[in-house]
């Protein structure tokens, strides 16, 4: 079922997109690579983090580096919980695991950790 689209300057739209990516990450099909679902997990985290920037009307860089985004949030005074800081480990799924030969194949354990 399609969700109602909101304007891109509405943080709820960013969270909707994050939830969509997370739903895909949590429900893999056998014919797809786990790397693709880990990318969805990374995208879910990235879009949720960027929703905070949007809500606070803070410009953010176009980057997949979750660590960099989280540092920027702390620099403007946003308290970032430890479990959110831990999401920076998902950055590796943004690029290197999506292309053949750049990284080792993702394992089921990697995927479970990313979706969690």
PDB file of N, CA and C in Angstrom:
ATOM      1  N   UNK A   1       0.846  -1.170   0.000  1.00  0.00           N
ATOM      2  CA  UNK A   1       0.000   0.000   0.000  1.00  0.00           C
ATOM      3  C   UNK A   1       0.897   1.241   0.000  1.00  0.00           C
ATOM      4  N   UNK A   2       0.674   2.151  -0.925  1.00  0.00           N
ATOM      5  CA  UNK A   2       1.462   3.363  -1.040  1.00  0.00           C
ATOM      6  C   UNK A   2       1.080   4.362   0.050  1.00  0.00           C
ATOM      7  N   UNK A   3       2.095   5.010   0.564  1.00  0.00           N
ATOM      8  CA  UNK A   3       1.873   6.052   1.566  1.00  0.00           C
ATOM      9  C   UNK A   3       1.615   7.382   0.881  1.00  0.00           C
ATOM     10  N   UNK A   4       0.947   8.234   1.604  1.00  0.00           N
ATOM     11  CA  UNK A   4       0.745   9.600   1.106  1.00  0.00           C
ATOM     12  C   UNK A   4       2.090  10.318   1.164  1.00  0.00           C
ATOM     13  N   UNK A   5       2.456  10.923   0.061  1.00  0.00           N
ATOM     14  CA  UNK A   5       3.733  11.645  -0.015  1.00  0.00           C
ATOM     15  C   UNK A   5       3.595  13.014   0.631  1.00  0.00           C
ATOM     16  N   UNK A   6       4.639  13.392   1.343  1.00  0.00           N
ATOM     17  CA  UNK A   6       4.705  14.700   1.979  1.00  0.00           C
ATOM     18  C   UNK A   6       5.820  15.501   1.318  1.00  0.00           C
ATOM     19  N   UNK A   7       5.852  16.813   1.510  1.00  0.00           N
ATOM     20  CA  UNK A   7       6.925  17.620   0.909  1.00  0.00           C
ATOM     21  C   UNK A   7       8.299  17.208   1.460  1.00  0.00           C
ATOM     22  N   UNK A   8       9.351  17.383   0.671  1.00  0.00           N
ATOM     23  CA  UNK A   8      10.690  16.970   1.106  1.00  0.00           C
ATOM     24  C   UNK A   8      11.219  17.764   2.302  1.00  0.00           C
ATOM     25  N   UNK A   9      10.610  18.896   2.613  1.00  0.00           N
ATOM     26  CA  UNK A   9      11.042  19.659   3.782  1.00  0.00           C
ATOM     27  C   UNK A   9      10.276  19.264   5.047  1.00  0.00           C
ATOM     28  N   UNK A  10       9.498  18.195   4.953  1.00  0.00           N
ATOM     29  CA  UNK A  10       8.755  17.673   6.093  1.00  0.00           C
ATOM     30  C   UNK A  10       9.523  16.455   6.631  1.00  0.00           C
ATOM     31  N   UNK A  11       9.993  16.521   7.873  1.00  0.00           N
ATOM     32  CA  UNK A  11      10.769  15.394   8.397  1.00  0.00           C
ATOM     33  C   UNK A  11       9.986  14.084   8.409  1.00  0.00           C
ATOM     34  N   UNK A  12       8.676  14.150   8.440  1.00  0.00           N
ATOM     35  CA  UNK A  12       7.879  12.922   8.399  1.00  0.00           C
ATOM     36  C   UNK A  12       8.067  12.183   7.084  1.00  0.00           C
ATOM     37  N   UNK A  13       8.295  12.901   5.992  1.00  0.00           N
ATOM     38  CA  UNK A  13       8.554  12.236   4.706  1.00  0.00           C
ATOM     39  C   UNK A  13       9.881  11.486   4.757  1.00  0.00           C
ATOM     40  N   UNK A  14      10.871  12.097   5.378  1.00  0.00           N
ATOM     41  CA  UNK A  14      12.161  11.425   5.532  1.00  0.00           C
ATOM     42  C   UNK A  14      12.001  10.166   6.383  1.00  0.00           C
ATOM     43  N   UNK A  15      11.198  10.240   7.440  1.00  0.00           N
ATOM     44  CA  UNK A  15      10.961   9.066   8.278  1.00  0.00           C
ATOM     45  C   UNK A  15      10.142   8.011   7.541  1.00  0.00           C
ATOM     46  N   UNK A  16       9.196   8.451   6.711  1.00  0.00           N
ATOM     47  CA  UNK A  16       8.438   7.486   5.897  1.00  0.00           C
ATOM     48  C   UNK A  16       9.372   6.718   4.977  1.00  0.00           C
ATOM     49  N   UNK A  17      10.297   7.443   4.361  1.00  0.00           N
ATOM     50  CA  UNK A  17      11.243   6.783   3.455  1.00  0.00           C
ATOM     51  C   UNK A  17      12.168   5.851   4.238  1.00  0.00           C
ATOM     52  N   UNK A  18      12.562   6.275   5.437  1.00  0.00           N
ATOM     53  CA  UNK A  18      13.398   5.422   6.288  1.00  0.00           C
ATOM     54  C   UNK A  18      12.649   4.139   6.642  1.00  0.00           C
ATOM     55  N   UNK A  19      11.383   4.253   6.985  1.00  0.00           N
ATOM     56  CA  UNK A  19      10.577   3.078   7.325  1.00  0.00           C
ATOM     57  C   UNK A  19      10.412   2.151   6.126  1.00  0.00           C
ATOM     58  N   UNK A  20      10.303   2.729   4.943  1.00  0.00           N
ATOM     59  CA  UNK A  20      10.191   1.929   3.728  1.00  0.00           C
ATOM     60  C   UNK A  20      11.468   1.121   3.502  1.00  0.00           C
ATOM     61  N   UNK A  21      12.616   1.775   3.639  1.00  0.00           N
ATOM     62  CA  UNK A  21      13.891   1.066   3.491  1.00  0.00           C
ATOM     63  C   UNK A  21      14.046  -0.019   4.551  1.00  0.00           C
ATOM     64  N   UNK A  22      13.653   0.287   5.773  1.00  0.00           N
ATOM     65  CA  UNK A  22      13.788  -0.703   6.839  1.00  0.00           C
ATOM     66  C   UNK A  22      12.877  -1.909   6.587  1.00  0.00           C
ATOM     67  N   UNK A  23      11.680  -1.657   6.084  1.00  0.00           N
ATOM     68  CA  UNK A  23      10.761  -2.765   5.776  1.00  0.00           C
ATOM     69  C   UNK A  23      11.390  -3.706   4.752  1.00  0.00           C
ATOM     70  N   UNK A  24      12.052  -3.141   3.744  1.00  0.00           N
ATOM     71  CA  UNK A  24      12.714  -3.990   2.747  1.00  0.00           C
ATOM     72  C   UNK A  24      13.896  -4.723   3.358  1.00  0.00           C
ATOM     73  N   UNK A  25      14.661  -4.040   4.222  1.00  0.00           N
ATOM     74  CA  UNK A  25      15.830  -4.670   4.844  1.00  0.00           C
ATOM     75  C   UNK A  25      15.441  -5.855   5.717  1.00  0.00           C
ATOM     76  N   UNK A  26      14.294  -5.761   6.339  1.00  0.00           N
ATOM     77  CA  UNK A  26      13.858  -6.802   7.269  1.00  0.00           C
ATOM     78  C   UNK A  26      13.155  -7.973   6.592  1.00  0.00           C
ATOM     79  N   UNK A  27      12.858  -7.838   5.308  1.00  0.00           N
ATOM     80  CA  UNK A  27      12.088  -8.874   4.612  1.00  0.00           C
ATOM     81  C   UNK A  27      12.759  -9.306   3.314  1.00  0.00           C
ATOM     82  N   UNK A  28      13.928  -9.931   3.418  1.00  0.00           N
ATOM     83  CA  UNK A  28      14.631 -10.330   2.193  1.00  0.00           C
ATOM     84  C   UNK A  28      13.911 -11.462   1.465  1.00  0.00           C
ATOM     85  N   UNK A  29      14.121 -11.492   0.165  1.00  0.00           N
ATOM     86  CA  UNK A  29      13.644 -12.603  -0.651  1.00  0.00           C
ATOM     87  C   UNK A  29      14.870 -13.415  -1.076  1.00  0.00           C
ATOM     88  N   UNK A  30      14.669 -14.673  -1.322  1.00  0.00           N
ATOM     89  CA  UNK A  30      15.788 -15.565  -1.586  1.00  0.00           C
ATOM     90  C   UNK A  30      16.586 -15.211  -2.834  1.00  0.00           C
ATOM     91  N   UNK A  31      15.971 -14.587  -3.794  1.00  0.00           N
ATOM     92  CA  UNK A  31      16.645 -14.340  -5.065  1.00  0.00           C
ATOM     93  C   UNK A  31      17.519 -13.083  -5.063  1.00  0.00           C
ATOM     94  N   UNK A  32      17.551 -12.344  -3.975  1.00  0.00           N
ATOM     95  CA  UNK A  32      18.323 -11.098  -3.934  1.00  0.00           C
ATOM     96  C   UNK A  32      19.562 -11.258  -3.055  1.00  0.00           C
ATOM     97  N   UNK A  33      20.534 -10.399  -3.285  1.00  0.00           N
ATOM     98  CA  UNK A  33      21.755 -10.391  -2.495  1.00  0.00           C
ATOM     99  C   UNK A  33      21.496  -9.742  -1.138  1.00  0.00           C
ATOM    100  N   UNK A  34      22.106 -10.288  -0.105  1.00  0.00           N
ATOM    101  CA  UNK A  34      21.986  -9.698   1.229  1.00  0.00           C
ATOM    102  C   UNK A  34      22.578  -8.295   1.266  1.00  0.00           C
ATOM    103  N   UNK A  35      23.564  -8.045   0.417  1.00  0.00           N
ATOM    104  CA  UNK A  35      24.164  -6.713   0.347  1.00  0.00           C
ATOM    105  C   UNK A  35      23.107  -5.649   0.066  1.00  0.00           C
ATOM    106  N   UNK A  36      22.151  -5.981  -0.781  1.00  0.00           N
ATOM    107  CA  UNK A  36      21.109  -5.016  -1.138  1.00  0.00           C
ATOM    108  C   UNK A  36      20.225  -4.690   0.056  1.00  0.00           C
ATOM    109  N   UNK A  37      19.978  -5.679   0.899  1.00  0.00           N
ATOM    110  CA  UNK A  37      19.160  -5.446   2.087  1.00  0.00           C
ATOM    111  C   UNK A  37      19.940  -4.697   3.155  1.00  0.00           C
ATOM    112  N   UNK A  38      21.242  -4.925   3.209  1.00  0.00           N
ATOM    113  CA  UNK A  38      22.071  -4.147   4.129  1.00  0.00           C
ATOM    114  C   UNK A  38      22.141  -2.695   3.674  1.00  0.00           C
ATOM    115  N   UNK A  39      22.151  -2.478   2.360  1.00  0.00           N
ATOM    116  CA  UNK A  39      22.090  -1.116   1.841  1.00  0.00           C
ATOM    117  C   UNK A  39      20.783  -0.457   2.283  1.00  0.00           C
ATOM    118  N   UNK A  40      19.690  -1.191   2.226  1.00  0.00           N
ATOM    119  CA  UNK A  40      18.414  -0.635   2.693  1.00  0.00           C
ATOM    120  C   UNK A  40      18.470  -0.287   4.174  1.00  0.00           C
ATOM    121  N   UNK A  41      19.135  -1.116   4.974  1.00  0.00           N
ATOM    122  CA  UNK A  41      19.279  -0.807   6.399  1.00  0.00           C
ATOM    123  C   UNK A  41      20.087   0.473   6.586  1.00  0.00           C
ATOM    124  N   UNK A  42      21.154   0.623   5.807  1.00  0.00           N
ATOM    125  CA  UNK A  42      21.955   1.850   5.879  1.00  0.00           C
ATOM    126  C   UNK A  42      21.122   3.045   5.467  1.00  0.00           C
ATOM    127  N   UNK A  43      20.358   2.903   4.397  1.00  0.00           N
ATOM    128  CA  UNK A  43      19.526   3.995   3.931  1.00  0.00           C
ATOM    129  C   UNK A  43      18.465   4.372   4.958  1.00  0.00           C
ATOM    130  N   UNK A  44      17.917   3.387   5.651  1.00  0.00           N
ATOM    131  CA  UNK A  44      16.936   3.671   6.701  1.00  0.00           C
ATOM    132  C   UNK A  44      17.559   4.536   7.788  1.00  0.00           C
ATOM    133  N   UNK A  45      18.744   4.173   8.212  1.00  0.00           N
ATOM    134  CA  UNK A  45      19.434   4.957   9.242  1.00  0.00           C
ATOM    135  C   UNK A  45      19.776   6.348   8.721  1.00  0.00           C
ATOM    136  N   UNK A  46      20.292   6.415   7.505  1.00  0.00           N
ATOM    137  CA  UNK A  46      20.678   7.708   6.927  1.00  0.00           C
ATOM    138  C   UNK A  46      19.483   8.654   6.827  1.00  0.00           C
ATOM    139  N   UNK A  47      18.378   8.165   6.340  1.00  0.00           N
ATOM    140  CA  UNK A  47      17.196   9.020   6.170  1.00  0.00           C
ATOM    141  C   UNK A  47      16.591   9.424   7.512  1.00  0.00           C
ATOM    142  N   UNK A  48      16.645   8.543   8.502  1.00  0.00           N
ATOM    143  CA  UNK A  48      16.155   8.901   9.836  1.00  0.00           C
ATOM    144  C   UNK A  48      17.037   9.988  10.452  1.00  0.00           C
ATOM    145  N   UNK A  49      18.341   9.858  10.267  1.00  0.00           N
ATOM    146  CA  UNK A  49      19.269  10.881  10.773  1.00  0.00           C
ATOM    147  C   UNK A  49      19.032  12.204  10.047  1.00  0.00           C
ATOM    148  N   UNK A  50      18.873  12.149   8.739  1.00  0.00           N
ATOM    149  CA  UNK A  50      18.639  13.383   7.978  1.00  0.00           C
ATOM    150  C   UNK A  50      17.296  14.005   8.322  1.00  0.00           C
ATOM    151  N   UNK A  51      16.340  13.216   8.799  1.00  0.00           N
ATOM    152  CA  UNK A  51      15.054  13.774   9.251  1.00  0.00           C
ATOM    153  C   UNK A  51      15.274  14.739  10.410  1.00  0.00           C
ATOM    154  N   UNK A  52      16.259  14.454  11.240  1.00  0.00           N
ATOM    155  CA  UNK A  52      16.565  15.360  12.353  1.00  0.00           C
ATOM    156  C   UNK A  52      17.092  16.688  11.810  1.00  0.00           C
ATOM    157  N   UNK A  53      17.974  16.623  10.822  1.00  0.00           N
ATOM    158  CA  UNK A  53      18.461  17.856  10.194  1.00  0.00           C
ATOM    159  C   UNK A  53      17.296  18.648   9.618  1.00  0.00           C
ATOM    160  N   UNK A  54      16.418  17.969   8.910  1.00  0.00           N
ATOM    161  CA  UNK A  54      15.272  18.633   8.281  1.00  0.00           C
ATOM    162  C   UNK A  54      14.372  19.256   9.348  1.00  0.00           C
ATOM    163  N   UNK A  55      14.098  18.527  10.417  1.00  0.00           N
ATOM    164  CA  UNK A  55      13.229  19.034  11.484  1.00  0.00           C
ATOM    165  C   UNK A  55      13.812  20.283  12.137  1.00  0.00           C
ATOM    166  N   UNK A  56      15.128  20.333  12.232  1.00  0.00           N
ATOM    167  CA  UNK A  56      15.786  21.478  12.867  1.00  0.00           C
ATOM    168  C   UNK A  56      16.211  22.546  11.860  1.00  0.00           C
ATOM    169  N   UNK A  57      15.869  22.307  10.616  1.00  0.00           N
ATOM    170  CA  UNK A  57      16.205  23.243   9.527  1.00  0.00           C
ATOM    171  C   UNK A  57      17.700  23.526   9.459  1.00  0.00           C
ATOM    172  N   UNK A  58      18.464  22.436   9.510  1.00  0.00           N
ATOM    173  CA  UNK A  58      19.921  22.499   9.412  1.00  0.00           C
ATOM    174  C   UNK A  58      20.321  21.845   8.092  1.00  0.00           C
ATOM    175  N   UNK A  59      21.119  22.554   7.317  1.00  0.00           N
ATOM    176  CA  UNK A  59      21.604  21.985   6.058  1.00  0.00           C
ATOM    177  C   UNK A  59      22.513  20.798   6.359  1.00  0.00           C
ATOM    178  N   UNK A  60      22.454  19.786   5.509  1.00  0.00           N
ATOM    179  CA  UNK A  60      23.299  18.614   5.689  1.00  0.00           C
ATOM    180  C   UNK A  60      23.980  18.279   4.374  1.00  0.00           C
ATOM    181  N   UNK A  61      25.164  17.674   4.469  1.00  0.00           N
ATOM    182  CA  UNK A  61      25.875  17.300   3.243  1.00  0.00           C
ATOM    183  C   UNK A  61      25.224  16.076   2.606  1.00  0.00           C
ATOM    184  N   UNK A  62      25.388  15.973   1.297  1.00  0.00           N
ATOM    185  CA  UNK A  62      24.897  14.796   0.570  1.00  0.00           C
ATOM    186  C   UNK A  62      25.987  13.729   0.687  1.00  0.00           C
ATOM    187  N   UNK A  63      25.875  12.958   1.752  1.00  0.00           N
ATOM    188  CA  UNK A  63      26.854  11.915   2.034  1.00  0.00           C
ATOM    189  C   UNK A  63      26.137  10.699   2.602  1.00  0.00           C
ATOM    190  N   UNK A  64      26.759   9.547   2.433  1.00  0.00           N
ATOM    191  CA  UNK A  64      26.240   8.319   3.030  1.00  0.00           C
ATOM    192  C   UNK A  64      26.982   7.999   4.327  1.00  0.00           C
ATOM    193  N   UNK A  65      27.936   8.847   4.711  1.00  0.00           N
ATOM    194  CA  UNK A  65      28.778   8.608   5.886  1.00  0.00           C
ATOM    195  C   UNK A  65      28.008   8.943   7.154  1.00  0.00           C
ATOM    196  N   UNK A  66      27.475   7.906   7.798  1.00  0.00           N
ATOM    197  CA  UNK A  66      26.649   8.120   8.989  1.00  0.00           C
ATOM    198  C   UNK A  66      27.450   8.720  10.134  1.00  0.00           C
ATOM    199  N   UNK A  67      28.706   8.317  10.270  1.00  0.00           N
ATOM    200  CA  UNK A  67      29.551   8.890  11.312  1.00  0.00           C
ATOM    201  C   UNK A  67      29.689  10.389  11.150  1.00  0.00           C
ATOM    202  N   UNK A  68      29.922  10.835   9.931  1.00  0.00           N
ATOM    203  CA  UNK A  68      30.054  12.276   9.661  1.00  0.00           C
ATOM    204  C   UNK A  68      28.753  13.008   9.989  1.00  0.00           C
ATOM    205  N   UNK A  69      27.628  12.447   9.586  1.00  0.00           N
ATOM    206  CA  UNK A  69      26.338  13.084   9.866  1.00  0.00           C
ATOM    207  C   UNK A  69      26.081  13.175  11.375  1.00  0.00           C
ATOM    208  N   UNK A  70      26.413  12.130  12.097  1.00  0.00           N
ATOM    209  CA  UNK A  70      26.197  12.134  13.542  1.00  0.00           C
ATOM    210  C   UNK A  70      27.108  13.133  14.250  1.00  0.00           C
ATOM    211  N   UNK A  71      28.335  13.251  13.787  1.00  0.00           N
ATOM    212  CA  UNK A  71      29.242  14.255  14.350  1.00  0.00           C
ATOM    213  C   UNK A  71      28.675  15.651  14.127  1.00  0.00           C
ATOM    214  N   UNK A  72      28.166  15.906  12.932  1.00  0.00           N
ATOM    215  CA  UNK A  72      27.581  17.218  12.649  1.00  0.00           C
ATOM    216  C   UNK A  72      26.401  17.512  13.575  1.00  0.00           C
ATOM    217  N   UNK A  73      25.583  16.509  13.856  1.00  0.00           N
ATOM    218  CA  UNK A  73      24.458  16.716  14.777  1.00  0.00           C
ATOM    219  C   UNK A  73      24.951  17.057  16.171  1.00  0.00           C
ATOM    220  N   UNK A  74      25.962  16.351  16.643  1.00  0.00           N
ATOM    221  CA  UNK A  74      26.472  16.655  17.987  1.00  0.00           C
ATOM    222  C   UNK A  74      27.100  18.044  18.033  1.00  0.00           C
ATOM    223  N   UNK A  75      27.696  18.471  16.928  1.00  0.00           N
ATOM    224  CA  UNK A  75      28.314  19.798  16.882  1.00  0.00           C
ATOM    225  C   UNK A  75      27.302  20.931  16.983  1.00  0.00           C
ATOM    226  N   UNK A  76      26.061  20.655  16.612  1.00  0.00           N
ATOM    227  CA  UNK A  76      25.023  21.689  16.732  1.00  0.00           C
ATOM    228  C   UNK A  76      24.176  21.480  17.987  1.00  0.00           C
ATOM    229  N   UNK A  77      24.659  20.607  18.881  1.00  0.00           N
ATOM    230  CA  UNK A  77      24.016  20.458  20.176  1.00  0.00           C
ATOM    231  C   UNK A  77      22.950  19.391  20.299  1.00  0.00           C
ATOM    232  N   UNK A  78      22.833  18.526  19.296  1.00  0.00           N
ATOM    233  CA  UNK A  78      21.845  17.448  19.364  1.00  0.00           C
ATOM    234  C   UNK A  78      22.451  16.285  20.150  1.00  0.00           C
ATOM    235  N   UNK A  79      21.734  15.816  21.171  1.00  0.00           N
ATOM    236  CA  UNK A  79      22.185  14.633  21.911  1.00  0.00           C
ATOM    237  C   UNK A  79      21.881  13.403  21.064  1.00  0.00           C
ATOM    238  N   UNK A  80      22.906  12.631  20.793  1.00  0.00           N
ATOM    239  CA  UNK A  80      22.752  11.412  19.983  1.00  0.00           C
ATOM    240  C   UNK A  80      22.978  10.214  20.902  1.00  0.00           C
ATOM    241  N   UNK A  81      21.958   9.390  21.114  1.00  0.00           N
ATOM    242  CA  UNK A  81      22.115   8.216  21.976  1.00  0.00           C
ATOM    243  C   UNK A  81      23.162   7.239  21.434  1.00  0.00           C
ATOM    244  N   UNK A  82      23.741   6.455  22.337  1.00  0.00           N
ATOM    245  CA  UNK A  82      24.787   5.501  21.948  1.00  0.00           C
ATOM    246  C   UNK A  82      24.309   4.506  20.895  1.00  0.00           C
ATOM    247  N   UNK A  83      23.059   4.042  21.009  1.00  0.00           N
ATOM    248  CA  UNK A  83      22.578   3.059  20.031  1.00  0.00           C
ATOM    249  C   UNK A  83      22.460   3.675  18.642  1.00  0.00           C
ATOM    250  N   UNK A  84      22.253   4.984  18.574  1.00  0.00           N
ATOM    251  CA  UNK A  84      22.215   5.652  17.272  1.00  0.00           C
ATOM    252  C   UNK A  84      23.640   5.840  16.759  1.00  0.00           C
ATOM    253  N   UNK A  85      24.553   6.181  17.639  1.00  0.00           N
ATOM    254  CA  UNK A  85      25.961   6.308  17.246  1.00  0.00           C
ATOM    255  C   UNK A  85      26.460   4.984  16.660  1.00  0.00           C
ATOM    256  N   UNK A  86      25.986   3.880  17.205  1.00  0.00           N
ATOM    257  CA  UNK A  86      26.396   2.554  16.709  1.00  0.00           C
ATOM    258  C   UNK A  86      25.987   2.337  15.258  1.00  0.00           C
ATOM    259  N   UNK A  87      25.012   3.090  14.779  1.00  0.00           N
ATOM    260  CA  UNK A  87      24.562   2.920  13.386  1.00  0.00           C
ATOM    261  C   UNK A  87      25.627   3.320  12.380  1.00  0.00           C
ATOM    262  N   UNK A  88      26.641   4.028  12.815  1.00  0.00           N
ATOM    263  CA  UNK A  88      27.695   4.445  11.870  1.00  0.00           C
ATOM    264  C   UNK A  88      28.376   3.255  11.213  1.00  0.00           C
ATOM    265  N   UNK A  89      28.307   2.076  11.859  1.00  0.00           N
ATOM    266  CA  UNK A  89      28.907   0.869  11.273  1.00  0.00           C
ATOM    267  C   UNK A  89      28.200   0.464   9.981  1.00  0.00           C
ATOM    268  N   UNK A  90      26.994   0.983   9.751  1.00  0.00           N
ATOM    269  CA  UNK A  90      26.254   0.663   8.529  1.00  0.00           C
ATOM    270  C   UNK A  90      26.808   1.382   7.301  1.00  0.00           C
ATOM    271  N   UNK A  91      27.655   2.367   7.510  1.00  0.00           N
ATOM    272  CA  UNK A  91      28.193   3.151   6.393  1.00  0.00           C
ATOM    273  C   UNK A  91      28.838   2.256   5.338  1.00  0.00           C
ATOM    274  N   UNK A  92      29.471   1.177   5.758  1.00  0.00           N
ATOM    275  CA  UNK A  92      30.142   0.306   4.774  1.00  0.00           C
ATOM    276  C   UNK A  92      29.169  -0.291   3.766  1.00  0.00           C
ATOM    277  N   UNK A  93      27.900  -0.379   4.130  1.00  0.00           N
ATOM    278  CA  UNK A  93      26.899  -0.936   3.221  1.00  0.00           C
ATOM    279  C   UNK A  93      26.398   0.088   2.199  1.00  0.00           C
ATOM    280  N   UNK A  94      26.793   1.338   2.346  1.00  0.00           N
ATOM    281  CA  UNK A  94      26.314   2.387   1.453  1.00  0.00           C
ATOM    282  C   UNK A  94      26.917   2.281   0.057  1.00  0.00           C
ATOM    283  N   UNK A  95      28.168   1.855  -0.023  1.00  0.00           N
ATOM    284  CA  UNK A  95      28.824   1.811  -1.327  1.00  0.00           C
ATOM    285  C   UNK A  95      29.598   0.511  -1.523  1.00  0.00           C
ATOM    286  N   UNK A  96      30.586   0.276  -0.680  1.00  0.00           N
ATOM    287  CA  UNK A  96      31.560  -0.783  -0.982  1.00  0.00           C
ATOM    288  C   UNK A  96      30.968  -2.180  -1.113  1.00  0.00           C
ATOM    289  N   UNK A  97      29.923  -2.499  -0.372  1.00  0.00           N
ATOM    290  CA  UNK A  97      29.370  -3.855  -0.479  1.00  0.00           C
ATOM    291  C   UNK A  97      28.386  -4.002  -1.637  1.00  0.00           C
ATOM    292  N   UNK A  98      28.036  -2.901  -2.276  1.00  0.00           N
ATOM    293  CA  UNK A  98      27.046  -2.956  -3.356  1.00  0.00           C
ATOM    294  C   UNK A  98      27.654  -3.282  -4.713  1.00  0.00           C
ATOM    295  N   UNK A  99      28.962  -3.268  -4.809  1.00  0.00           N
ATOM    296  CA  UNK A  99      29.601  -3.491  -6.098  1.00  0.00           C
ATOM    297  C   UNK A  99      30.519  -4.711  -6.020  1.00  0.00           C
ATOM    298  N   UNK A 100      30.538  -5.530  -7.043  1.00  0.00           N
ATOM    299  CA  UNK A 100      31.360  -6.742  -7.035  1.00  0.00           C
ATOM    300  C   UNK A 100      32.835  -6.422  -6.823  1.00  0.00           C
ATOM    301  N   UNK A 101      33.448  -7.177  -5.928  1.00  0.00           N
ATOM    302  CA  UNK A 101      34.887  -7.082  -5.748  1.00  0.00           C
ATOM    303  C   UNK A 101      35.392  -6.009  -4.812  1.00  0.00           C
ATOM    304  N   UNK A 102      34.559  -5.119  -4.327  1.00  0.00           N
ATOM    305  CA  UNK A 102      35.035  -4.067  -3.436  1.00  0.00           C
ATOM    306  C   UNK A 102      35.080  -4.524  -1.983  1.00  0.00           C
ATOM    307  N   UNK A 103      34.315  -5.546  -1.645  1.00  0.00           N
ATOM    308  CA  UNK A 103      34.276  -6.048  -0.275  1.00  0.00           C
ATOM    309  C   UNK A 103      33.895  -7.524  -0.305  1.00  0.00           C
ATOM    310  N   UNK A 104      34.125  -8.175   0.793  1.00  0.00           N
ATOM    311  CA  UNK A 104      33.701  -9.566   0.930  1.00  0.00           C
ATOM    312  C   UNK A 104      32.177  -9.634   0.893  1.00  0.00           C
ATOM    313  N   UNK A 105      31.613 -10.738   0.422  1.00  0.00           N
ATOM    314  CA  UNK A 105      30.153 -10.871   0.435  1.00  0.00           C
ATOM    315  C   UNK A 105      29.598 -10.745   1.854  1.00  0.00           C
ATOM    316  N   UNK A 106      28.418 -10.195   1.955  1.00  0.00           N
ATOM    317  CA  UNK A 106      27.743 -10.022   3.230  1.00  0.00           C
ATOM    318  C   UNK A 106      27.206 -11.370   3.685  1.00  0.00           C
ATOM    319  N   UNK A 107      27.343 -11.645   4.973  1.00  0.00           N
ATOM    320  CA  UNK A 107      26.851 -12.899   5.537  1.00  0.00           C
ATOM    321  C   UNK A 107      25.444 -12.696   6.117  1.00  0.00           C
ATOM    322  N   UNK A 108      24.800 -13.811   6.433  1.00  0.00           N
ATOM    323  CA  UNK A 108      23.493 -13.727   7.091  1.00  0.00           C
ATOM    324  C   UNK A 108      23.617 -12.992   8.418  1.00  0.00           C
ATOM    325  N   UNK A 109      24.700 -13.227   9.110  1.00  0.00           N
ATOM    326  CA  UNK A 109      24.943 -12.533  10.389  1.00  0.00           C
ATOM    327  C   UNK A 109      25.076 -11.036  10.177  1.00  0.00           C
ATOM    328  N   UNK A 110      25.837 -10.629   9.143  1.00  0.00           N
ATOM    329  CA  UNK A 110      25.952  -9.202   8.806  1.00  0.00           C
ATOM    330  C   UNK A 110      24.563  -8.600   8.566  1.00  0.00           C
ATOM    331  N   UNK A 111      23.760  -9.325   7.792  1.00  0.00           N
ATOM    332  CA  UNK A 111      22.437  -8.823   7.459  1.00  0.00           C
ATOM    333  C   UNK A 111      21.569  -8.686   8.706  1.00  0.00           C
ATOM    334  N   UNK A 112      21.566  -9.692   9.562  1.00  0.00           N
ATOM    335  CA  UNK A 112      20.760  -9.617  10.792  1.00  0.00           C
ATOM    336  C   UNK A 112      21.190  -8.425  11.640  1.00  0.00           C
ATOM    337  N   UNK A 113      22.485  -8.212  11.766  1.00  0.00           N
ATOM    338  CA  UNK A 113      22.996  -7.081  12.537  1.00  0.00           C
ATOM    339  C   UNK A 113      22.611  -5.744  11.929  1.00  0.00           C
ATOM    340  N   UNK A 114      22.674  -5.655  10.612  1.00  0.00           N
ATOM    341  CA  UNK A 114      22.326  -4.408   9.934  1.00  0.00           C
ATOM    342  C   UNK A 114      20.847  -4.085  10.095  1.00  0.00           C
ATOM    343  N   UNK A 115      20.013  -5.086   9.926  1.00  0.00           N
ATOM    344  CA  UNK A 115      18.561  -4.854  10.047  1.00  0.00           C
ATOM    345  C   UNK A 115      18.167  -4.526  11.484  1.00  0.00           C
ATOM    346  N   UNK A 116      18.901  -5.086  12.421  1.00  0.00           N
ATOM    347  CA  UNK A 116      18.607  -4.810  13.822  1.00  0.00           C
ATOM    348  C   UNK A 116      18.965  -3.384  14.170  1.00  0.00           C
TER     349      UNK A 116
END
